[in-house]
Amino acid sequence: MKRIYSLMLAAGLLASGAAQAAGAIFVTEPGADGFSINTGIFNGSSFDITKLTFDFSTTTTGDSSNIVIDGAPFTTVAPTGGTATFFGSGAVFGFNFTGFNTFETASFSWDPDSAISGSYGATGLDFIGATVTAVTTGGTYVGTFARVGNTLDVTASLAPAVPEPATYALVLGGLLGVGALARRRAPQA
């Protein structure tokens, strides 16, 4: 019986340790220039970033539409020794990375437009509420753009994604199964 409790405790500690992975991933959008925005990504996690996706489909711009990218970024600076391959268009786009290691950065310059106007001239404030998802070698990180104080800057601090309810149900079912097995094996007094 003690062995089963020890195994359950060890499994719980491992699961909580994985959920508390060191560091975070930051995506920043500085300034108010609406025609050449430079977006920076900093990998503060302890894993390599393999994919980063920007989702502006739930944001609203000043002209009541959402931010889109039409075409590719003007420039892309890949992480040191790695690559950054652009994908997507419209309100959902991103990069596939190779070699995006801990403490490295990547960036891209682009002209965000609105879904209505190709000359909208978006600022960082139009990014508020957009979701950024990073797939890493240690799991998925998610964050939302928010305003930095009273500035025109926004940032998204990505943290490990919370497991879905189905994952919790699976873990609970497994624990109940282990408990039932332990109870059946326990000697009757």
N, C-alpha and C. Protein backbone atom coordinates (compact mmCIF):
# COMPACT_ATOMS: atom_id res chain seq x y z
N MET A 1 0.82 -1.18 0.00
CA MET A 1 0.00 0.00 0.00
C MET A 1 0.87 1.26 0.00
N LYS A 2 1.95 1.25 0.82
CA LYS A 2 2.85 2.40 0.85
C LYS A 2 3.47 2.63 -0.52
N ARG A 3 3.76 1.54 -1.23
CA ARG A 3 4.37 1.66 -2.55
C ARG A 3 3.43 2.37 -3.52
N ILE A 4 2.14 2.07 -3.47
CA ILE A 4 1.18 2.72 -4.36
C ILE A 4 1.09 4.20 -4.04
N TYR A 5 1.03 4.55 -2.75
CA TYR A 5 0.98 5.96 -2.37
C TYR A 5 2.24 6.69 -2.83
N SER A 6 3.39 6.03 -2.72
CA SER A 6 4.65 6.64 -3.15
C SER A 6 4.64 6.87 -4.66
N LEU A 7 4.14 5.90 -5.41
CA LEU A 7 4.06 6.06 -6.86
C LEU A 7 3.11 7.20 -7.25
N MET A 8 1.96 7.29 -6.55
CA MET A 8 1.01 8.36 -6.84
C MET A 8 1.62 9.72 -6.51
N LEU A 9 2.34 9.84 -5.40
CA LEU A 9 2.98 11.09 -5.02
C LEU A 9 4.05 11.48 -6.04
N ALA A 10 4.85 10.51 -6.48
CA ALA A 10 5.90 10.78 -7.47
C ALA A 10 5.28 11.25 -8.79
N ALA A 11 4.20 10.59 -9.21
CA ALA A 11 3.53 11.00 -10.45
C ALA A 11 2.99 12.41 -10.34
N GLY A 12 2.41 12.74 -9.19
CA GLY A 12 1.89 14.10 -8.98
C GLY A 12 2.98 15.15 -9.02
N LEU A 13 4.13 14.85 -8.39
CA LEU A 13 5.25 15.79 -8.41
C LEU A 13 5.80 15.98 -9.81
N LEU A 14 5.91 14.90 -10.57
CA LEU A 14 6.38 15.01 -11.95
C LEU A 14 5.43 15.85 -12.79
N ALA A 15 4.13 15.63 -12.64
CA ALA A 15 3.14 16.39 -13.41
C ALA A 15 3.20 17.87 -13.05
N SER A 16 3.32 18.20 -11.77
CA SER A 16 3.36 19.61 -11.39
C SER A 16 4.66 20.24 -11.82
N GLY A 17 5.76 19.50 -11.84
CA GLY A 17 7.03 20.03 -12.30
C GLY A 17 7.00 20.35 -13.78
N ALA A 18 6.34 19.50 -14.57
CA ALA A 18 6.23 19.76 -16.00
C ALA A 18 5.38 20.99 -16.25
N ALA A 19 4.34 21.20 -15.45
CA ALA A 19 3.47 22.35 -15.64
C ALA A 19 4.16 23.65 -15.25
N GLN A 20 5.18 23.59 -14.40
CA GLN A 20 5.88 24.78 -13.95
C GLN A 20 7.22 24.92 -14.67
N ALA A 21 7.25 24.67 -15.97
CA ALA A 21 8.49 24.76 -16.73
C ALA A 21 9.11 26.14 -16.55
N ALA A 22 10.42 26.15 -16.49
CA ALA A 22 11.13 27.39 -16.19
C ALA A 22 10.95 28.41 -17.32
N GLY A 23 10.76 29.66 -16.92
CA GLY A 23 10.74 30.76 -17.87
C GLY A 23 9.45 30.92 -18.62
N ALA A 24 9.46 31.86 -19.53
CA ALA A 24 8.30 32.16 -20.36
C ALA A 24 8.80 32.68 -21.70
N ILE A 25 7.87 32.82 -22.62
CA ILE A 25 8.18 33.36 -23.94
C ILE A 25 7.48 34.71 -24.04
N PHE A 26 8.21 35.72 -24.52
CA PHE A 26 7.65 37.06 -24.62
C PHE A 26 7.60 37.51 -26.08
N VAL A 27 6.48 38.09 -26.47
CA VAL A 27 6.33 38.68 -27.80
C VAL A 27 5.98 40.14 -27.57
N THR A 28 6.79 41.05 -28.10
CA THR A 28 6.57 42.48 -27.85
C THR A 28 6.29 43.22 -29.13
N GLU A 29 5.50 44.25 -29.00
CA GLU A 29 5.14 45.12 -30.11
C GLU A 29 5.31 46.56 -29.65
N PRO A 30 6.48 47.16 -29.88
CA PRO A 30 6.72 48.52 -29.41
C PRO A 30 6.25 49.58 -30.40
N GLY A 31 5.82 50.71 -29.85
CA GLY A 31 5.61 51.90 -30.65
C GLY A 31 4.28 52.05 -31.35
N ALA A 32 4.15 53.22 -31.98
CA ALA A 32 2.89 53.62 -32.59
C ALA A 32 2.94 53.72 -34.10
N ASP A 33 4.09 53.43 -34.73
CA ASP A 33 4.21 53.56 -36.17
C ASP A 33 3.34 52.50 -36.84
N GLY A 34 2.37 52.91 -37.61
CA GLY A 34 1.43 51.98 -38.21
C GLY A 34 1.84 51.41 -39.53
N PHE A 35 3.02 51.73 -40.05
CA PHE A 35 3.37 51.24 -41.38
C PHE A 35 4.62 50.38 -41.41
N SER A 36 5.31 50.26 -40.32
CA SER A 36 6.45 49.36 -40.25
C SER A 36 6.62 48.96 -38.79
N ILE A 37 5.90 47.94 -38.40
CA ILE A 37 5.92 47.48 -37.01
C ILE A 37 6.93 46.36 -36.87
N ASN A 38 7.79 46.46 -35.87
CA ASN A 38 8.80 45.44 -35.63
C ASN A 38 8.39 44.61 -34.43
N THR A 39 8.05 43.36 -34.64
CA THR A 39 7.59 42.47 -33.58
C THR A 39 8.75 41.58 -33.13
N GLY A 40 9.03 41.60 -31.83
CA GLY A 40 10.14 40.82 -31.31
C GLY A 40 9.68 39.64 -30.48
N ILE A 41 10.40 38.54 -30.57
CA ILE A 41 10.09 37.32 -29.82
C ILE A 41 11.32 36.94 -29.01
N PHE A 42 11.14 36.71 -27.71
CA PHE A 42 12.23 36.30 -26.83
C PHE A 42 11.88 34.94 -26.24
N ASN A 43 12.78 33.97 -26.41
CA ASN A 43 12.55 32.63 -25.88
C ASN A 43 13.18 32.51 -24.49
N GLY A 44 12.39 32.78 -23.46
CA GLY A 44 12.86 32.63 -22.09
C GLY A 44 12.50 31.29 -21.50
N SER A 45 11.95 30.39 -22.32
CA SER A 45 11.61 29.05 -21.83
C SER A 45 12.86 28.19 -21.83
N SER A 46 12.75 27.01 -21.29
CA SER A 46 13.90 26.10 -21.31
C SER A 46 13.80 25.10 -22.46
N PHE A 47 12.97 25.43 -23.46
CA PHE A 47 12.75 24.55 -24.61
C PHE A 47 12.98 25.32 -25.91
N ASP A 48 13.17 24.60 -27.01
CA ASP A 48 13.26 25.23 -28.33
C ASP A 48 11.85 25.56 -28.81
N ILE A 49 11.68 26.73 -29.44
CA ILE A 49 10.40 27.07 -30.07
C ILE A 49 10.44 26.51 -31.49
N THR A 50 9.40 25.74 -31.85
CA THR A 50 9.34 25.17 -33.20
C THR A 50 8.30 25.86 -34.08
N LYS A 51 7.30 26.50 -33.46
CA LYS A 51 6.25 27.16 -34.23
C LYS A 51 5.63 28.27 -33.40
N LEU A 52 5.35 29.42 -34.03
CA LEU A 52 4.70 30.54 -33.35
C LEU A 52 3.56 31.02 -34.23
N THR A 53 2.35 31.07 -33.66
CA THR A 53 1.17 31.47 -34.43
C THR A 53 0.52 32.69 -33.79
N PHE A 54 0.22 33.69 -34.62
CA PHE A 54 -0.50 34.89 -34.20
C PHE A 54 -1.94 34.76 -34.67
N ASP A 55 -2.90 35.00 -33.78
CA ASP A 55 -4.32 34.89 -34.13
C ASP A 55 -5.02 36.20 -33.76
N PHE A 56 -5.32 37.01 -34.78
CA PHE A 56 -5.99 38.29 -34.60
C PHE A 56 -7.49 38.20 -34.93
N SER A 57 -8.02 37.00 -35.09
CA SER A 57 -9.41 36.84 -35.53
C SER A 57 -10.43 37.30 -34.50
N THR A 58 -10.04 37.49 -33.25
CA THR A 58 -10.99 37.93 -32.23
C THR A 58 -10.76 39.37 -31.79
N THR A 59 -9.82 40.08 -32.43
CA THR A 59 -9.56 41.48 -32.08
C THR A 59 -10.40 42.41 -32.94
N THR A 60 -10.54 43.64 -32.49
CA THR A 60 -11.29 44.63 -33.26
C THR A 60 -10.45 45.89 -33.42
N THR A 61 -10.29 46.34 -34.64
CA THR A 61 -9.53 47.56 -34.93
C THR A 61 -10.44 48.78 -34.86
N GLY A 62 -9.85 49.95 -35.09
CA GLY A 62 -10.62 51.19 -35.07
C GLY A 62 -11.69 51.26 -36.15
N ASP A 63 -11.54 50.48 -37.22
CA ASP A 63 -12.57 50.49 -38.27
C ASP A 63 -13.49 49.26 -38.15
N SER A 64 -13.54 48.68 -36.94
CA SER A 64 -14.45 47.57 -36.61
C SER A 64 -14.20 46.29 -37.40
N SER A 65 -12.95 46.05 -37.76
CA SER A 65 -12.61 44.77 -38.37
C SER A 65 -11.49 44.16 -37.53
N ASN A 66 -10.59 43.40 -38.13
CA ASN A 66 -9.47 42.87 -37.36
C ASN A 66 -8.18 43.03 -38.14
N ILE A 67 -7.06 42.89 -37.42
CA ILE A 67 -5.72 43.02 -38.02
C ILE A 67 -5.49 41.84 -38.97
N VAL A 68 -4.87 42.14 -40.12
CA VAL A 68 -4.50 41.09 -41.06
C VAL A 68 -3.10 41.38 -41.59
N ILE A 69 -2.45 40.34 -42.08
CA ILE A 69 -1.20 40.50 -42.82
C ILE A 69 -1.48 40.01 -44.23
N ASP A 70 -1.19 40.87 -45.20
CA ASP A 70 -1.41 40.49 -46.59
C ASP A 70 -0.05 40.41 -47.26
N GLY A 71 0.39 39.20 -47.48
CA GLY A 71 1.73 38.97 -48.01
C GLY A 71 2.63 38.48 -46.90
N ALA A 72 3.90 38.68 -47.07
CA ALA A 72 4.89 38.25 -46.08
C ALA A 72 5.47 39.48 -45.37
N PRO A 73 6.14 39.29 -44.25
CA PRO A 73 6.79 40.41 -43.56
C PRO A 73 7.85 41.06 -44.46
N PHE A 74 8.15 42.35 -44.18
CA PHE A 74 9.21 43.05 -44.93
C PHE A 74 10.55 42.38 -44.68
N THR A 75 10.86 42.15 -43.42
CA THR A 75 12.12 41.52 -43.04
C THR A 75 11.85 40.52 -41.93
N THR A 76 12.66 39.51 -41.87
CA THR A 76 12.59 38.52 -40.79
C THR A 76 14.01 38.26 -40.31
N VAL A 77 14.22 38.37 -39.01
CA VAL A 77 15.51 38.05 -38.42
C VAL A 77 15.32 36.75 -37.64
N ALA A 78 15.91 35.69 -38.15
CA ALA A 78 15.78 34.36 -37.54
C ALA A 78 16.65 34.29 -36.28
N PRO A 79 16.36 33.32 -35.41
CA PRO A 79 17.23 33.13 -34.25
C PRO A 79 18.63 32.73 -34.70
N THR A 80 19.62 33.00 -33.87
CA THR A 80 21.01 32.69 -34.19
C THR A 80 21.16 31.22 -34.55
N GLY A 81 21.68 30.96 -35.74
CA GLY A 81 21.92 29.58 -36.16
C GLY A 81 20.66 28.82 -36.56
N GLY A 82 19.50 29.49 -36.61
CA GLY A 82 18.26 28.82 -36.96
C GLY A 82 17.58 29.46 -38.16
N THR A 83 16.38 28.99 -38.45
CA THR A 83 15.60 29.54 -39.55
C THR A 83 14.22 29.94 -39.06
N ALA A 84 13.57 30.82 -39.80
CA ALA A 84 12.20 31.25 -39.52
C ALA A 84 11.45 31.28 -40.85
N THR A 85 10.52 30.36 -41.03
CA THR A 85 9.76 30.25 -42.27
C THR A 85 8.34 30.73 -42.03
N PHE A 86 7.94 31.78 -42.74
CA PHE A 86 6.62 32.39 -42.58
C PHE A 86 5.54 31.49 -43.18
N PHE A 87 4.34 31.47 -42.54
CA PHE A 87 3.19 30.75 -43.09
C PHE A 87 1.92 31.55 -42.79
N GLY A 88 0.87 31.27 -43.57
CA GLY A 88 -0.43 31.86 -43.33
C GLY A 88 -0.60 33.22 -43.98
N SER A 89 -1.77 33.80 -43.73
CA SER A 89 -2.10 35.15 -44.20
C SER A 89 -3.40 35.55 -43.52
N GLY A 90 -3.79 36.79 -43.72
CA GLY A 90 -5.02 37.25 -43.09
C GLY A 90 -4.83 37.44 -41.60
N ALA A 91 -5.82 37.00 -40.81
CA ALA A 91 -5.81 37.22 -39.36
C ALA A 91 -5.03 36.16 -38.59
N VAL A 92 -4.65 35.05 -39.25
CA VAL A 92 -3.90 33.98 -38.57
C VAL A 92 -2.66 33.66 -39.41
N PHE A 93 -1.49 33.84 -38.80
CA PHE A 93 -0.24 33.60 -39.50
C PHE A 93 0.84 33.33 -38.47
N GLY A 94 2.03 32.97 -38.94
CA GLY A 94 3.11 32.72 -37.99
C GLY A 94 4.37 32.24 -38.66
N PHE A 95 5.21 31.58 -37.88
CA PHE A 95 6.51 31.11 -38.33
C PHE A 95 6.77 29.70 -37.83
N ASN A 96 7.42 28.91 -38.67
CA ASN A 96 7.99 27.64 -38.24
C ASN A 96 9.48 27.91 -38.04
N PHE A 97 10.01 27.48 -36.90
CA PHE A 97 11.40 27.76 -36.55
C PHE A 97 12.22 26.48 -36.48
N THR A 98 13.50 26.62 -36.77
CA THR A 98 14.48 25.60 -36.42
C THR A 98 15.55 26.30 -35.59
N GLY A 99 16.05 25.64 -34.57
CA GLY A 99 17.14 26.18 -33.78
C GLY A 99 16.80 27.42 -32.98
N PHE A 100 15.56 27.57 -32.50
CA PHE A 100 15.18 28.73 -31.69
C PHE A 100 15.32 28.33 -30.22
N ASN A 101 16.55 28.45 -29.72
CA ASN A 101 16.91 27.96 -28.40
C ASN A 101 16.62 28.96 -27.29
N THR A 102 16.78 28.52 -26.05
CA THR A 102 16.59 29.35 -24.88
C THR A 102 17.46 30.60 -24.94
N PHE A 103 16.88 31.73 -24.55
CA PHE A 103 17.53 33.06 -24.48
C PHE A 103 17.85 33.64 -25.85
N GLU A 104 17.33 33.09 -26.91
CA GLU A 104 17.52 33.67 -28.24
C GLU A 104 16.32 34.53 -28.62
N THR A 105 16.53 35.37 -29.62
CA THR A 105 15.45 36.25 -30.09
C THR A 105 15.25 36.07 -31.59
N ALA A 106 14.08 36.47 -32.04
CA ALA A 106 13.75 36.55 -33.46
C ALA A 106 12.86 37.77 -33.61
N SER A 107 12.77 38.30 -34.81
CA SER A 107 11.89 39.46 -35.02
C SER A 107 11.45 39.51 -36.47
N PHE A 108 10.40 40.29 -36.71
CA PHE A 108 9.99 40.53 -38.08
C PHE A 108 9.33 41.91 -38.16
N SER A 109 9.55 42.58 -39.30
CA SER A 109 8.94 43.87 -39.57
C SER A 109 7.81 43.66 -40.57
N TRP A 110 6.68 44.31 -40.32
CA TRP A 110 5.53 44.11 -41.19
C TRP A 110 4.62 45.32 -41.14
N ASP A 111 3.68 45.37 -42.07
CA ASP A 111 2.70 46.44 -42.16
C ASP A 111 1.33 45.83 -41.90
N PRO A 112 0.88 45.84 -40.65
CA PRO A 112 -0.45 45.28 -40.38
C PRO A 112 -1.54 46.19 -40.92
N ASP A 113 -2.49 45.59 -41.61
CA ASP A 113 -3.64 46.31 -42.14
C ASP A 113 -4.88 45.83 -41.41
N SER A 114 -6.02 46.42 -41.71
CA SER A 114 -7.27 45.90 -41.19
C SER A 114 -7.92 45.07 -42.30
N ALA A 115 -8.88 44.26 -41.94
CA ALA A 115 -9.55 43.43 -42.93
C ALA A 115 -10.31 44.29 -43.95
N ILE A 116 -10.59 45.54 -43.59
CA ILE A 116 -11.34 46.43 -44.47
C ILE A 116 -10.44 47.32 -45.31
N SER A 117 -9.29 47.76 -44.73
CA SER A 117 -8.45 48.76 -45.39
C SER A 117 -7.00 48.31 -45.46
N GLY A 118 -6.45 48.32 -46.68
CA GLY A 118 -5.04 47.99 -46.88
C GLY A 118 -4.11 49.11 -46.47
N SER A 119 -4.65 50.27 -46.15
CA SER A 119 -3.82 51.40 -45.70
C SER A 119 -4.24 51.84 -44.31
N TYR A 120 -4.68 50.90 -43.49
CA TYR A 120 -5.23 51.21 -42.17
C TYR A 120 -4.22 51.89 -41.25
N GLY A 121 -2.98 51.44 -41.21
CA GLY A 121 -1.99 52.04 -40.33
C GLY A 121 -2.20 51.64 -38.87
N ALA A 122 -2.21 50.37 -38.62
CA ALA A 122 -2.45 49.85 -37.27
C ALA A 122 -1.33 50.25 -36.32
N THR A 123 -1.67 50.35 -35.05
CA THR A 123 -0.68 50.53 -33.99
C THR A 123 -0.74 49.33 -33.06
N GLY A 124 0.17 49.30 -32.12
CA GLY A 124 0.19 48.20 -31.16
C GLY A 124 -1.12 48.05 -30.41
N LEU A 125 -1.82 49.16 -30.18
CA LEU A 125 -3.07 49.09 -29.43
C LEU A 125 -4.13 48.26 -30.14
N ASP A 126 -4.03 48.14 -31.46
CA ASP A 126 -4.96 47.28 -32.21
C ASP A 126 -4.68 45.80 -31.96
N PHE A 127 -3.54 45.48 -31.35
CA PHE A 127 -3.16 44.10 -31.09
C PHE A 127 -3.79 43.56 -29.82
N ILE A 128 -4.28 44.43 -28.95
CA ILE A 128 -4.77 44.02 -27.63
C ILE A 128 -5.84 42.93 -27.77
N GLY A 129 -5.63 41.84 -27.06
CA GLY A 129 -6.57 40.71 -27.08
C GLY A 129 -6.21 39.61 -28.05
N ALA A 130 -5.24 39.86 -28.95
CA ALA A 130 -4.83 38.82 -29.90
C ALA A 130 -4.09 37.71 -29.17
N THR A 131 -4.23 36.49 -29.65
CA THR A 131 -3.62 35.32 -29.03
C THR A 131 -2.34 34.95 -29.76
N VAL A 132 -1.32 34.60 -29.00
CA VAL A 132 -0.06 34.11 -29.56
C VAL A 132 0.18 32.72 -28.97
N THR A 133 0.42 31.75 -29.83
CA THR A 133 0.65 30.38 -29.40
C THR A 133 2.03 29.93 -29.87
N ALA A 134 2.81 29.38 -28.96
CA ALA A 134 4.14 28.85 -29.30
C ALA A 134 4.15 27.35 -29.03
N VAL A 135 4.52 26.61 -30.04
CA VAL A 135 4.72 25.17 -29.87
C VAL A 135 6.21 25.00 -29.61
N THR A 136 6.55 24.34 -28.50
CA THR A 136 7.95 24.14 -28.13
C THR A 136 8.23 22.65 -27.99
N THR A 137 9.49 22.33 -27.81
CA THR A 137 9.87 20.94 -27.60
C THR A 137 9.41 20.44 -26.24
N GLY A 138 8.90 21.33 -25.39
CA GLY A 138 8.40 20.95 -24.06
C GLY A 138 6.93 21.20 -23.88
N GLY A 139 6.19 21.43 -24.95
CA GLY A 139 4.76 21.67 -24.84
C GLY A 139 4.36 22.99 -25.47
N THR A 140 3.07 23.31 -25.32
CA THR A 140 2.51 24.51 -25.93
C THR A 140 2.41 25.63 -24.92
N TYR A 141 2.81 26.83 -25.34
CA TYR A 141 2.72 28.05 -24.54
C TYR A 141 1.71 28.97 -25.21
N VAL A 142 0.90 29.69 -24.40
CA VAL A 142 -0.13 30.57 -24.94
C VAL A 142 -0.10 31.89 -24.18
N GLY A 143 -0.38 32.99 -24.89
CA GLY A 143 -0.47 34.30 -24.25
C GLY A 143 -1.35 35.22 -25.06
N THR A 144 -1.72 36.35 -24.46
CA THR A 144 -2.59 37.34 -25.10
C THR A 144 -1.91 38.70 -25.02
N PHE A 145 -1.96 39.46 -26.11
CA PHE A 145 -1.38 40.79 -26.11
C PHE A 145 -2.16 41.69 -25.15
N ALA A 146 -1.41 42.44 -24.33
CA ALA A 146 -1.99 43.40 -23.40
C ALA A 146 -1.15 44.67 -23.44
N ARG A 147 -1.75 45.78 -23.08
CA ARG A 147 -1.07 47.07 -23.07
C ARG A 147 -0.05 47.13 -21.93
N VAL A 148 1.07 47.79 -22.19
CA VAL A 148 2.11 47.98 -21.20
C VAL A 148 1.92 49.37 -20.57
N GLY A 149 1.30 49.40 -19.38
CA GLY A 149 1.06 50.67 -18.69
C GLY A 149 0.24 51.63 -19.53
N ASN A 150 0.66 52.89 -19.59
CA ASN A 150 -0.03 53.91 -20.40
C ASN A 150 0.67 54.16 -21.72
N THR A 151 1.56 53.27 -22.11
CA THR A 151 2.32 53.44 -23.36
C THR A 151 1.50 52.94 -24.55
N LEU A 152 2.06 53.11 -25.72
CA LEU A 152 1.44 52.56 -26.93
C LEU A 152 1.98 51.16 -27.22
N ASP A 153 2.79 50.63 -26.31
CA ASP A 153 3.39 49.31 -26.48
C ASP A 153 2.46 48.23 -25.95
N VAL A 154 2.56 47.04 -26.56
CA VAL A 154 1.83 45.87 -26.08
C VAL A 154 2.81 44.71 -26.00
N THR A 155 2.49 43.75 -25.15
CA THR A 155 3.31 42.55 -25.04
C THR A 155 2.42 41.36 -24.71
N ALA A 156 2.89 40.20 -25.08
CA ALA A 156 2.22 38.95 -24.72
C ALA A 156 3.24 38.09 -23.99
N SER A 157 2.92 37.71 -22.79
CA SER A 157 3.77 36.81 -22.00
C SER A 157 3.15 35.42 -22.08
N LEU A 158 3.84 34.52 -22.77
CA LEU A 158 3.31 33.19 -22.99
C LEU A 158 3.74 32.26 -21.85
N ALA A 159 2.82 31.47 -21.40
CA ALA A 159 3.08 30.50 -20.34
C ALA A 159 2.53 29.15 -20.78
N PRO A 160 2.97 28.08 -20.12
CA PRO A 160 2.46 26.75 -20.51
C PRO A 160 0.94 26.72 -20.51
N ALA A 161 0.40 26.12 -21.56
CA ALA A 161 -1.06 26.02 -21.71
C ALA A 161 -1.63 25.15 -20.60
N VAL A 162 -2.81 25.50 -20.13
CA VAL A 162 -3.51 24.73 -19.11
C VAL A 162 -4.11 23.50 -19.79
N PRO A 163 -3.95 22.32 -19.20
CA PRO A 163 -4.51 21.13 -19.81
C PRO A 163 -6.03 21.25 -20.00
N GLU A 164 -6.53 20.60 -21.02
CA GLU A 164 -7.97 20.61 -21.29
C GLU A 164 -8.70 19.74 -20.26
N PRO A 165 -10.00 19.99 -20.07
CA PRO A 165 -10.78 19.20 -19.11
C PRO A 165 -10.69 17.70 -19.35
N ALA A 166 -10.58 17.29 -20.60
CA ALA A 166 -10.48 15.86 -20.91
C ALA A 166 -9.22 15.26 -20.29
N THR A 167 -8.13 16.05 -20.25
CA THR A 167 -6.90 15.57 -19.63
C THR A 167 -7.11 15.35 -18.14
N TYR A 168 -7.78 16.30 -17.47
CA TYR A 168 -8.06 16.14 -16.05
C TYR A 168 -8.95 14.91 -15.81
N ALA A 169 -9.94 14.69 -16.68
CA ALA A 169 -10.82 13.54 -16.54
C ALA A 169 -10.02 12.24 -16.68
N LEU A 170 -9.08 12.21 -17.62
CA LEU A 170 -8.26 11.02 -17.81
C LEU A 170 -7.40 10.75 -16.58
N VAL A 171 -6.78 11.80 -16.02
CA VAL A 171 -5.95 11.63 -14.82
C VAL A 171 -6.81 11.16 -13.65
N LEU A 172 -7.99 11.77 -13.48
CA LEU A 172 -8.88 11.37 -12.39
C LEU A 172 -9.31 9.92 -12.54
N GLY A 173 -9.65 9.51 -13.77
CA GLY A 173 -10.03 8.12 -14.01
C GLY A 173 -8.90 7.16 -13.67
N GLY A 174 -7.67 7.53 -14.02
CA GLY A 174 -6.52 6.69 -13.69
C GLY A 174 -6.30 6.58 -12.19
N LEU A 175 -6.44 7.70 -11.48
CA LEU A 175 -6.28 7.68 -10.02
C LEU A 175 -7.36 6.83 -9.36
N LEU A 176 -8.60 6.94 -9.86
CA LEU A 176 -9.68 6.12 -9.31
C LEU A 176 -9.40 4.64 -9.55
N GLY A 177 -8.88 4.32 -10.74
CA GLY A 177 -8.55 2.92 -11.05
C GLY A 177 -7.46 2.39 -10.13
N VAL A 178 -6.42 3.19 -9.90
CA VAL A 178 -5.34 2.78 -9.00
C VAL A 178 -5.88 2.62 -7.58
N GLY A 179 -6.75 3.53 -7.16
CA GLY A 179 -7.35 3.45 -5.82
C GLY A 179 -8.20 2.20 -5.67
N ALA A 180 -8.99 1.86 -6.69
CA ALA A 180 -9.83 0.66 -6.63
C ALA A 180 -8.96 -0.59 -6.57
N LEU A 181 -7.90 -0.62 -7.35
CA LEU A 181 -7.00 -1.76 -7.34
C LEU A 181 -6.33 -1.91 -5.97
N ALA A 182 -5.89 -0.80 -5.41
CA ALA A 182 -5.25 -0.84 -4.09
C ALA A 182 -6.23 -1.30 -3.02
N ARG A 183 -7.46 -0.86 -3.13
CA ARG A 183 -8.47 -1.26 -2.12
C ARG A 183 -8.76 -2.76 -2.22
N ARG A 184 -8.83 -3.29 -3.43
CA ARG A 184 -9.13 -4.70 -3.60
C ARG A 184 -7.98 -5.57 -3.08
N ARG A 185 -6.74 -5.08 -3.22
CA ARG A 185 -5.57 -5.84 -2.77
C ARG A 185 -5.32 -5.71 -1.29
N ALA A 186 -5.93 -4.71 -0.64
CA ALA A 186 -5.69 -4.50 0.79
C ALA A 186 -6.28 -5.66 1.58
N PRO A 187 -5.56 -6.19 2.59
CA PRO A 187 -6.08 -7.29 3.39
C PRO A 187 -7.30 -6.84 4.20
N GLN A 188 -8.28 -7.70 4.28
CA GLN A 188 -9.49 -7.38 5.05
C GLN A 188 -9.21 -7.64 6.53
N ALA A 189 -9.64 -6.71 7.39
CA ALA A 189 -9.39 -6.86 8.82
C ALA A 189 -10.50 -7.60 9.52
